[in-house]
Protein backbone atom coordinates (compact mmCIF):
# COMPACT_ATOMS: atom_id res chain seq x y z
CA MET A 1 -18.39 -38.53 -4.04
CA GLY A 2 -20.09 -36.14 -6.33
CA ILE A 3 -19.78 -34.58 -9.04
CA VAL A 4 -17.68 -31.16 -9.44
CA ASN A 5 -17.28 -29.06 -11.78
CA SER A 6 -14.54 -27.99 -12.56
CA ALA A 7 -13.23 -24.24 -14.74
CA ASP A 8 -10.26 -26.51 -16.13
CA TRP A 9 -10.20 -25.00 -19.72
CA CYS A 10 -8.66 -21.61 -17.35
CA TYR A 11 -5.67 -24.15 -16.83
CA GLN A 12 -5.02 -24.30 -20.83
CA TYR A 13 -4.02 -20.80 -20.87
CA ARG A 14 -1.99 -19.01 -18.64
CA VAL A 15 -4.08 -16.75 -16.18
CA GLN A 16 -3.40 -13.89 -14.68
CA THR A 17 -4.47 -13.68 -10.56
CA LEU A 18 -6.82 -11.21 -9.79
CA THR A 19 -6.95 -10.50 -5.37
CA LEU A 20 -9.78 -7.95 -4.42
CA LYS A 21 -11.54 -7.16 -1.38
CA LEU A 22 -15.21 -8.00 -0.20
CA PRO A 23 -17.23 -6.81 2.86
CA PRO A 24 -18.36 -9.46 4.41
CA ASP A 25 -22.03 -10.31 3.76
CA LEU A 26 -20.58 -9.73 -0.29
CA SER A 27 -17.89 -12.58 0.95
CA ASP A 28 -20.53 -14.18 2.96
CA TRP A 29 -22.81 -14.42 -0.26
CA LEU A 30 -19.82 -15.40 -2.48
CA GLU A 31 -19.19 -18.66 -0.35
CA LYS A 32 -22.87 -19.86 0.33
CA ARG A 33 -23.76 -18.99 -3.63
CA ALA A 34 -20.21 -21.27 -4.61
CA ARG A 35 -21.85 -24.35 -2.17
CA ALA A 36 -24.60 -24.03 -3.08
CA LEU A 37 -23.60 -24.59 -6.95
CA ASN A 38 -21.28 -26.66 -5.89
CA ARG A 39 -18.18 -24.44 -8.18
CA SER A 40 -15.29 -23.04 -6.39
CA LYS A 41 -15.23 -19.32 -6.34
CA SER A 42 -13.04 -18.23 -8.39
CA ASP A 43 -15.59 -19.71 -11.26
CA VAL A 44 -18.24 -17.70 -9.91
CA VAL A 45 -16.91 -14.96 -10.13
CA ARG A 46 -15.63 -15.75 -13.42
CA GLN A 47 -18.89 -16.64 -14.38
CA ALA A 48 -20.30 -13.15 -13.13
CA LEU A 49 -16.95 -11.17 -15.08
CA LEU A 50 -18.49 -13.66 -18.40
CA ALA A 51 -21.72 -12.63 -18.37
CA GLN A 52 -21.08 -9.17 -17.25
CA ARG A 53 -18.91 -9.07 -20.51
CA ALA A 54 -21.25 -10.12 -22.96
CA GLY A 55 -24.43 -7.47 -21.88
CA LYS A 56 -26.63 -10.15 -20.00
CA HIS A 57 -28.65 -8.03 -18.30
CA THR A 58 -29.56 -9.17 -14.22
CA GLU A 59 -31.58 -6.66 -12.78
CA SER A 60 -34.50 -6.84 -12.28
CA ALA A 61 -37.03 -5.06 -14.93
CA LEU A 62 -38.04 -2.43 -13.32
CA ALA A 63 -33.80 -1.49 -12.70
CA ARG A 64 -33.44 -1.40 -16.40
CA ALA A 65 -36.82 0.76 -17.24
CA GLY A 66 -35.64 3.01 -14.34
CA ASP A 67 -36.19 6.15 -16.36
CA LEU A 68 -38.87 5.44 -18.01
CA VAL A 69 -41.80 4.39 -15.11
CA GLY A 70 -43.56 6.40 -14.27
CA LYS A 71 -42.77 9.69 -16.91
CA TYR A 72 -45.87 9.65 -18.72
CA ALA A 73 -49.04 10.36 -16.70
CA SER A 74 -52.14 9.32 -17.71
CA GLY A 75 -53.96 13.21 -17.03
CA LYS A 76 -55.64 11.07 -14.45
CA LYS A 77 -53.73 12.25 -10.55
CA ASP A 78 -54.70 9.29 -8.88
CA SER A 79 -54.56 6.59 -11.52
CA ALA A 80 -53.41 3.70 -9.16
CA HIS A 81 -56.76 4.17 -6.86
CA LYS A 82 -58.61 1.23 -6.99
CA ARG A 83 -61.82 2.64 -8.34
CA HIS A 84 -59.70 3.63 -11.71
CA LEU A 85 -58.48 -0.44 -11.50
CA LYS A 86 -62.07 -1.82 -11.49
CA ASN A 87 -63.02 -4.56 -14.11
CA PHE A 88 -59.22 -4.56 -15.15
CA GLY A 89 -57.89 -7.80 -16.94
CA ALA A 90 -61.25 -8.88 -17.18
CA CYS A 91 -61.79 -10.63 -20.35
CA ARG A 92 -64.14 -8.31 -22.26
CA HIS A 93 -67.18 -10.18 -25.00
CA VAL A 94 -67.30 -8.72 -28.08
């Protein structure tokens, strides 16, 4: 029998019950995630809410940069073209 990570702390205090409706794909994901972590679905949702409240970002760097991406032009119309990237990242001997 394995060790179960339980959220016993939440039973030491008076807790509110939250009921929510999830679309099938999110419900399936939650079920799989809880199983993978060996935790209850409630615990997975609780941890996600705590992370959100603490301001922990789970979005990609691109999503966080959002409006900054592509904001500043290099002056070259096709700066992503491979000829502009020639030797990009190569060591330069000084």
